[in-house]
Every structure is written in structure tokens, then in C-alpha cells.
């Protein structure tokens, strides 16, 4: 019986997703106070009106003003709530994920080359970056709204690899969404699907990327 462990090339670059890996994000967080004691209507609103599919247009570079007007024409009865997607954007964030930020700093101190690859609206990204010091730890960040391509489209991974200049086999990609992980694997990157800082730390220790 062959008990050999599959060879894993040494890691030279580590690429982090941002939303729900480094910071908590979700539209529901901003809308709960607006819908107050109407949880069923809130569920309808987020599953039918301001859906994640509609939000993806922001991540693909469509301006908030244009995307909001587009949806308001379809659901005029919800026009003010749809507009709140822009004005309440900051309230969709629930703070940093402290354990992952600690790992990020640890990797930086160990001189790993760090990159970001995020689905994020271009017009919202500069303020987010300015408000979070840990963003300065990245050598470069590929933002979907700037490239007008979102994960899991393979083209954005190719943009990443072109920018890093580091072979995919020597790059580790960390993301919470399975479809993004699968796409990265197809491009040859090593991957870890993020579920918690504790599981990420365990994985990095097993790979001897960090020691504790």
C-alpha cells in the first residue's frame, strides 16, 4: 500500500479574501434595524429584492447609483430601502475577525509575501482600506470592482497571478466560499477554505508555514 503524502510545493505567496475572512460582512446586519419587527419581510427583501446576485453587479464595477436606480424601477415600493444599500453600507460590516488578523500579522512578520483578492465595489474600497490598518500589510490587492471581474471567474485569478509574478503552485489562496476555492484550484493554486481562524491556524501549522 502506498502511504506517501502528496507533495505540496513550498508556499511563497499567501492570498487572502477579505469579506468574512478578515472582516465580518453581510447586508442583513444593516437592514435589521430598518425593518425592526418585520423579520419575514426582511427575509423577503434580501432574498428577492436586494439579493447577493444584484449586489454582485457592484462588485463587477457597476456604480451604486446606477444599480440602485435599476432595482428601484423594478420594486418602487421598496425604493427607500434599496437606496439604503448605499447609505448604510458601512453598517454591513461587523468588525474585524481578530484571530485572522493576528495570523495576517504573524505571516507578515515571517516575511511571507501577502496579497488580497476580493470581490468589493471599487467606489467603496478606498475608504475601507483607509479605515483598516491591516490592509497595509498586503503588497498588492486585486479588487473585483476595479477589474470589473468577480471571483470565481478564472480571469481574475489570472490577473492575480500576473500581478504577483509567483507561480500558482507556490501560492496559497484563502477564501470562505467554496466556488471561489474550486476555481482557484483549477488555476493551479493551493487553497484553504476558511471556516474559522482556529482551523486556518491549524492548517498553517500542519503546512509548517507557521509554528504556533
Foldseek 3Di string as FASTA:
>chain_A
DDPDDDDADAAQEEEEEPDPQWWDFDPVQLCCVVCPPCVVVVVCCAVPQVDVVLVLQLLLQDDLVVSLVVRCVVPVVCSVVSVVCVVSVVSRIDGTQVLSLVVLVVLLVVVRAYEYEYSDGPVPPVVVCVVDVSNVSHPYYHGNNVVSDHPPPLVSVVVVCVVVVDDQSNYEYEEQDPRNQVSSVVSPHHYDHDDGSVVVVVVCCVSVSDPD
